[in-house]
């Protein structure tokens, strides 16, 4: 019984190891691709020394960074004549960002820097180029046709595409070192929208509709939140005062005029105001220095003339 369990454990361990290795290989295969090659550079693009040389462009197809350090470039212009260039480690520029490019100069002068290879391309013959990872596994390969012309490149139709084409022979297919192979100069959706709505009335109506719909939704949301908050506050007040549900329901059904009369009565009581009836004489004491009862203008200054 123990032997069978051991065999089963070994079997599943082997399956797991094979699965992990296959996943790792698939991930490495889909990252780095040969994207564009120029074999005869006369006046196209200069390196950091101001020289025109053949170059090889590598594209990072994935949406994560990929490191070219310890990878290998192999070039063969003739059968059996293969030259290999080991991309050195320690250069931060070998870390290619997602969907970006790395350009290597095939000038046969590796002493000029990391991106100058020991390989050279022959524009008169076809050139086979292979890209290998650090484990000497082939990641991508391409054969550049012979005689494609000066300042022309052999490139993928777009970055990472399967189809290759000649670039530099026409204005719409131009050489693109260290950048996208296919640059879009227009936007089909915008042109179609402009064709159907040249003045922009539809755009204005759409924008205003979006604004009004948003305001209506905000009003409904605030209304619902307000009602819920009022209900919760009433319920908390009822619980705090210990009022039964039936009493609270009766109080909620009292008309507003009753509350208004109660509020007015409380206001009058607090301010000592009452109704003045016709049969009640109200005398209020006035606290002031001047009083008509003691005014001198109402006194006699001269003795009255008495006629006998």
Protein backbone atom coordinates (compact mmCIF):
# COMPACT_ATOMS: atom_id res chain seq x y z
CA UNK A 1 0.00 0.00 0.00
CA UNK A 2 2.81 2.41 0.87
CA UNK A 3 4.63 1.57 -2.36
CA UNK A 4 1.57 2.43 -4.46
CA UNK A 5 1.17 5.78 -2.67
CA UNK A 6 4.83 6.56 -3.33
CA UNK A 7 4.44 5.79 -7.03
CA UNK A 8 1.33 7.97 -7.25
CA UNK A 9 3.18 10.85 -5.55
CA UNK A 10 6.11 10.54 -7.96
CA UNK A 11 3.72 10.44 -10.92
CA UNK A 12 1.93 13.64 -9.90
CA UNK A 13 5.24 15.37 -9.16
CA UNK A 14 6.45 14.59 -12.67
CA UNK A 15 3.19 15.91 -14.15
CA UNK A 16 3.55 19.13 -12.16
CA UNK A 17 7.16 19.59 -13.26
CA UNK A 18 6.26 19.04 -16.92
CA UNK A 19 3.38 21.50 -16.66
CA UNK A 20 5.53 24.19 -15.09
CA UNK A 21 8.29 23.74 -17.64
CA UNK A 22 5.83 23.91 -20.53
CA UNK A 23 4.29 27.07 -19.12
CA UNK A 24 7.70 28.66 -18.75
CA UNK A 25 8.66 27.77 -22.29
CA UNK A 26 5.40 29.12 -23.69
CA UNK A 27 5.84 32.37 -21.77
CA UNK A 28 9.39 32.87 -23.11
CA UNK A 29 8.33 32.06 -26.66
CA UNK A 30 5.64 34.71 -26.74
CA UNK A 31 7.71 37.58 -25.38
CA UNK A 32 10.60 38.44 -27.70
CA UNK A 33 10.38 38.51 -31.50
CA UNK A 34 12.54 39.66 -34.37
CA UNK A 35 10.58 42.59 -35.76
CA UNK A 36 12.56 44.48 -38.43
CA UNK A 37 15.96 44.13 -40.15
CA UNK A 38 17.97 46.46 -42.39
CA UNK A 39 20.94 44.92 -44.20
CA UNK A 40 22.16 47.93 -46.25
CA UNK A 41 22.06 51.22 -44.37
CA UNK A 42 23.40 54.06 -46.48
CA UNK A 43 21.63 57.13 -45.15
CA UNK A 44 18.80 55.93 -43.00
CA UNK A 45 19.59 55.76 -39.30
CA UNK A 46 22.78 56.52 -37.38
CA UNK A 47 24.12 54.83 -34.31
CA UNK A 48 25.51 56.60 -31.23
CA UNK A 49 28.84 57.01 -33.07
CA UNK A 50 27.23 58.73 -36.06
CA UNK A 51 27.78 55.72 -38.31
CA UNK A 52 25.36 54.03 -40.71
CA UNK A 53 25.24 50.30 -40.22
CA UNK A 54 22.96 47.31 -40.54
CA UNK A 55 20.61 46.81 -37.62
CA UNK A 56 18.24 44.25 -36.11
CA UNK A 57 15.14 45.26 -34.18
CA UNK A 58 13.66 43.07 -31.41
CA UNK A 59 10.11 43.58 -30.17
CA UNK A 60 8.68 42.70 -26.74
CA UNK A 61 5.26 41.35 -27.61
CA UNK A 62 4.06 40.85 -24.04
CA UNK A 63 2.55 43.36 -21.61
CA UNK A 64 5.34 42.77 -19.12
CA UNK A 65 9.03 43.64 -19.20
CA UNK A 66 11.44 41.19 -20.83
CA UNK A 67 15.20 41.05 -20.31
CA UNK A 68 17.49 40.37 -23.27
CA UNK A 69 20.53 39.79 -21.05
CA UNK A 70 22.18 36.39 -21.71
CA UNK A 71 20.17 35.92 -24.92
CA UNK A 72 21.97 35.12 -28.19
CA UNK A 73 21.76 36.47 -31.71
CA UNK A 74 22.93 34.15 -34.48
CA UNK A 75 23.48 35.33 -38.04
CA UNK A 76 24.30 33.24 -41.09
CA UNK A 77 24.91 34.71 -44.53
CA UNK A 78 26.13 31.40 -45.95
CA UNK A 79 25.22 27.78 -45.09
CA UNK A 80 27.35 26.58 -42.21
CA UNK A 81 28.79 30.07 -41.55
CA UNK A 82 26.98 31.09 -38.36
CA UNK A 83 28.23 33.85 -36.07
CA UNK A 84 26.81 34.15 -32.56
CA UNK A 85 26.60 37.24 -30.37
CA UNK A 86 26.05 36.83 -26.61
CA UNK A 87 24.11 39.78 -25.19
CA UNK A 88 26.01 40.71 -22.03
CA UNK A 89 24.50 41.05 -18.59
CA UNK A 90 24.65 44.10 -16.35
CA UNK A 91 23.21 46.65 -18.77
CA UNK A 92 19.90 48.12 -17.59
CA UNK A 93 18.94 48.95 -21.17
CA UNK A 94 18.58 45.27 -22.02
CA UNK A 95 15.33 45.27 -20.01
CA UNK A 96 12.75 45.93 -22.71
CA UNK A 97 9.54 47.53 -21.49
CA UNK A 98 6.10 46.17 -22.47
CA UNK A 99 5.31 46.55 -26.20
CA UNK A 100 8.63 48.33 -26.80
CA UNK A 101 11.67 47.73 -29.03
CA UNK A 102 15.42 47.16 -28.76
CA UNK A 103 17.77 47.95 -31.65
CA UNK A 104 21.07 46.07 -32.21
CA UNK A 105 23.70 47.24 -34.69
CA UNK A 106 25.09 44.38 -36.78
CA UNK A 107 28.39 46.14 -37.49
CA UNK A 108 30.82 43.51 -36.16
CA UNK A 109 32.19 45.85 -33.46
CA UNK A 110 30.98 44.62 -30.05
CA UNK A 111 33.59 46.78 -28.30
CA UNK A 112 31.38 49.82 -29.00
CA UNK A 113 28.74 48.74 -26.52
CA UNK A 114 26.10 46.24 -25.57
CA UNK A 115 23.96 46.93 -28.62
CA UNK A 116 26.78 46.51 -31.16
CA UNK A 117 27.01 42.86 -32.16
CA UNK A 118 29.90 40.76 -33.38
CA UNK A 119 27.72 39.70 -36.33
CA UNK A 120 27.58 41.42 -39.72
CA UNK A 121 24.88 41.25 -42.41
CA UNK A 122 25.64 40.83 -46.11
CA UNK A 123 23.23 42.87 -48.29
CA UNK A 124 24.17 40.85 -51.40
CA UNK A 125 22.95 37.51 -50.05
CA UNK A 126 20.08 36.28 -47.94
CA UNK A 127 20.64 36.53 -44.21
CA UNK A 128 19.27 34.08 -41.67
CA UNK A 129 18.85 35.56 -38.18
CA UNK A 130 17.91 33.60 -35.06
CA UNK A 131 17.14 34.80 -31.54
CA UNK A 132 17.84 32.38 -28.68
CA UNK A 133 17.16 32.66 -24.98
CA UNK A 134 19.70 32.03 -22.22
CA UNK A 135 19.00 28.30 -22.44
CA UNK A 136 19.86 28.24 -26.15
CA UNK A 137 16.22 27.73 -27.09
CA UNK A 138 15.15 29.29 -30.37
CA UNK A 139 12.67 32.11 -29.72
CA UNK A 140 12.29 33.48 -33.24
CA UNK A 141 13.96 33.37 -36.65
CA UNK A 142 13.71 35.12 -40.00
CA UNK A 143 15.41 34.95 -43.39
CA UNK A 144 15.95 38.36 -44.99
CA UNK A 145 15.88 38.13 -48.83
CA UNK A 146 18.93 39.16 -50.81
CA UNK A 147 19.07 42.49 -52.61
CA UNK A 148 16.19 44.28 -50.91
CA UNK A 149 17.87 47.60 -51.69
CA UNK A 150 19.69 50.34 -49.86
CA UNK A 151 17.84 51.97 -46.92
CA UNK A 152 15.07 49.39 -47.22
CA UNK A 153 14.10 47.07 -44.40
CA UNK A 154 12.49 43.67 -44.11
CA UNK A 155 9.86 44.02 -41.40
CA UNK A 156 6.64 42.64 -40.06
CA UNK A 157 3.51 44.36 -41.36
CA UNK A 158 2.78 45.45 -37.80
CA UNK A 159 4.52 44.77 -34.52
CA UNK A 160 4.38 41.06 -33.76
CA UNK A 161 2.41 40.16 -36.92
CA UNK A 162 3.12 36.92 -38.78
CA UNK A 163 3.40 38.51 -42.23
CA UNK A 164 6.59 40.25 -43.40
CA UNK A 165 6.96 42.92 -46.10
CA UNK A 166 9.47 45.31 -47.67
CA UNK A 167 9.51 48.80 -46.17
CA UNK A 168 11.03 51.97 -47.52
CA UNK A 169 9.93 51.55 -51.14
CA UNK A 170 6.85 53.79 -50.80
CA UNK A 171 5.64 56.66 -48.64
CA UNK A 172 2.99 54.61 -46.87
CA UNK A 173 5.47 51.84 -45.98
CA UNK A 174 8.45 53.54 -44.43
CA UNK A 175 11.31 52.26 -42.29
CA UNK A 176 10.62 52.46 -38.54
CA UNK A 177 13.67 51.64 -36.37
CA UNK A 178 12.91 51.50 -32.63
CA UNK A 179 9.24 52.33 -33.16
CA UNK A 180 5.98 50.78 -34.34
CA UNK A 181 6.08 49.14 -37.76
CA UNK A 182 2.61 50.42 -38.59
CA UNK A 183 1.68 53.96 -37.65
CA UNK A 184 -1.97 54.99 -37.93
CA UNK A 185 -2.34 58.54 -39.23
CA UNK A 186 -6.12 58.55 -39.10
CA UNK A 187 -8.99 57.31 -36.99
CA UNK A 188 -11.67 55.42 -38.88
CA UNK A 189 -14.28 55.82 -36.13
CA UNK A 190 -13.80 59.57 -35.92
CA UNK A 191 -13.96 59.97 -39.69
CA UNK A 192 -17.17 57.92 -39.85
CA UNK A 193 -18.74 59.97 -37.06
CA UNK A 194 -17.73 63.21 -38.78
CA UNK A 195 -19.24 61.96 -42.03
CA UNK A 196 -22.64 61.37 -40.41
CA UNK A 197 -22.54 64.46 -38.17
CA UNK A 198 -20.42 67.18 -39.81
CA UNK A 199 -21.92 70.08 -37.81
CA UNK A 200 -21.78 68.36 -34.44
CA UNK A 201 -25.48 68.53 -33.54
CA UNK A 202 -25.61 64.85 -32.69
CA UNK A 203 -22.57 65.18 -30.45
CA UNK A 204 -24.16 68.14 -28.61
CA UNK A 205 -27.45 66.30 -28.11
CA UNK A 206 -25.63 63.22 -26.89
CA UNK A 207 -23.54 65.22 -24.43
CA UNK A 208 -26.56 67.12 -23.08
CA UNK A 209 -28.56 63.91 -22.78
CA UNK A 210 -25.78 62.31 -20.77
CA UNK A 211 -25.66 65.32 -18.44
CA UNK A 212 -29.43 65.41 -17.88
CA UNK A 213 -29.66 61.68 -17.35
CA UNK A 214 -26.84 61.92 -14.83
CA UNK A 215 -28.62 64.73 -12.95
CA UNK A 216 -31.88 62.76 -12.86
CA UNK A 217 -30.09 59.70 -11.53
CA UNK A 218 -28.39 61.83 -8.88
CA UNK A 219 -31.76 63.32 -7.85
CA UNK A 220 -33.30 59.86 -7.53
CA UNK A 221 -30.32 58.60 -5.56
CA UNK A 222 -30.37 61.55 -3.13
CA UNK A 223 -34.15 61.22 -2.76
CA UNK A 224 -33.88 57.57 -1.84
CA UNK A 225 -31.00 58.21 0.54
CA UNK A 226 -32.95 61.05 2.19
CA UNK A 227 -36.04 58.94 2.73
CA UNK A 228 -34.00 56.10 4.14
CA UNK A 229 -32.13 58.42 6.51
CA UNK A 230 -35.38 60.03 7.74
CA UNK A 231 -36.92 56.61 8.35
CA UNK A 232 -33.85 55.47 10.26
CA UNK A 233 -33.79 58.63 12.38
CA UNK A 234 -37.49 58.23 13.25
CA UNK A 235 -36.97 54.61 14.17
CA UNK A 236 -34.00 55.47 16.37
CA UNK A 237 -35.97 58.25 18.08
CA UNK A 238 -38.89 55.91 18.75
CA UNK A 239 -36.55 53.32 20.24
CA UNK A 240 -34.82 55.94 22.40
CA UNK A 241 -38.12 57.29 23.83
CA UNK A 242 -39.68 53.88 24.20
CA UNK A 243 -42.78 54.65 22.12
CA UNK A 244 -44.73 51.70 20.87
CA UNK A 245 -45.26 51.15 17.19
CA UNK A 246 -49.01 51.76 17.41
CA UNK A 247 -48.51 55.09 19.18
CA UNK A 248 -45.90 56.13 16.67
CA UNK A 249 -48.27 55.24 13.87
CA UNK A 250 -51.05 57.34 15.45
CA UNK A 251 -48.68 60.27 15.88
CA UNK A 252 -47.59 60.02 12.28
CA UNK A 253 -51.26 60.24 11.17
CA UNK A 254 -51.97 63.54 13.04
CA UNK A 255 -52.62 66.36 10.52
CA UNK A 256 -50.16 69.20 10.20
CA UNK A 257 -52.65 71.81 11.43
CA UNK A 258 -52.58 70.27 14.90
CA UNK A 259 -48.81 70.57 15.07
CA UNK A 260 -49.04 74.19 13.90
CA UNK A 261 -51.60 75.08 16.64
CA UNK A 262 -49.47 73.41 19.31
CA UNK A 263 -46.39 75.27 18.13
CA UNK A 264 -48.26 78.62 18.17
CA UNK A 265 -49.55 78.00 21.68
CA UNK A 266 -46.09 77.17 22.93
CA UNK A 267 -44.72 80.31 21.30
CA UNK A 268 -47.36 82.53 22.95
CA UNK A 269 -46.81 80.91 26.32
CA UNK A 270 -43.10 81.46 26.18
CA UNK A 271 -43.48 85.13 25.21
CA UNK A 272 -46.31 85.81 27.74
CA UNK A 273 -48.76 86.83 25.05
CA UNK A 274 -52.49 86.23 25.37
CA UNK A 275 -55.64 87.24 23.63
CA UNK A 276 -57.21 90.62 24.57
CA UNK A 277 -60.89 90.08 25.34
CA UNK A 278 -63.44 92.92 25.12
CA UNK A 279 -64.60 92.47 28.72
CA UNK A 280 -61.16 92.39 30.27
CA UNK A 281 -59.13 95.55 30.91
CA UNK A 282 -55.47 94.96 30.81
CA UNK A 283 -53.24 97.53 32.50
CA UNK A 284 -49.55 97.20 32.05
CA UNK A 285 -47.01 99.06 34.05
CA UNK A 286 -44.60 101.08 31.93
CA UNK A 287 -41.08 101.44 33.20
CA UNK A 288 -39.86 104.77 31.78
CA UNK A 289 -38.79 108.21 33.07
CA UNK A 290 -41.47 110.14 31.26
CA UNK A 291 -45.13 109.58 32.09
CA UNK A 292 -48.18 111.60 30.93
CA UNK A 293 -49.58 111.43 34.50
CA UNK A 294 -46.82 113.66 35.83
CA UNK A 295 -46.21 115.87 32.79
CA UNK A 296 -45.95 119.60 33.53
CA UNK A 297 -47.71 120.61 30.38
CA UNK A 298 -50.95 119.51 31.93
CA UNK A 299 -50.51 121.71 35.08
CA UNK A 300 -51.83 125.25 35.62
CA UNK A 301 -49.20 128.05 35.31
CA UNK A 302 -51.56 130.96 35.99
CA UNK A 303 -54.44 131.31 38.25
CA UNK A 304 -57.66 131.30 36.35
CA UNK A 305 -59.69 134.47 36.07
CA UNK A 306 -62.68 134.23 38.27
CA UNK A 307 -65.52 136.58 37.40
CA UNK A 308 -67.72 137.45 40.18
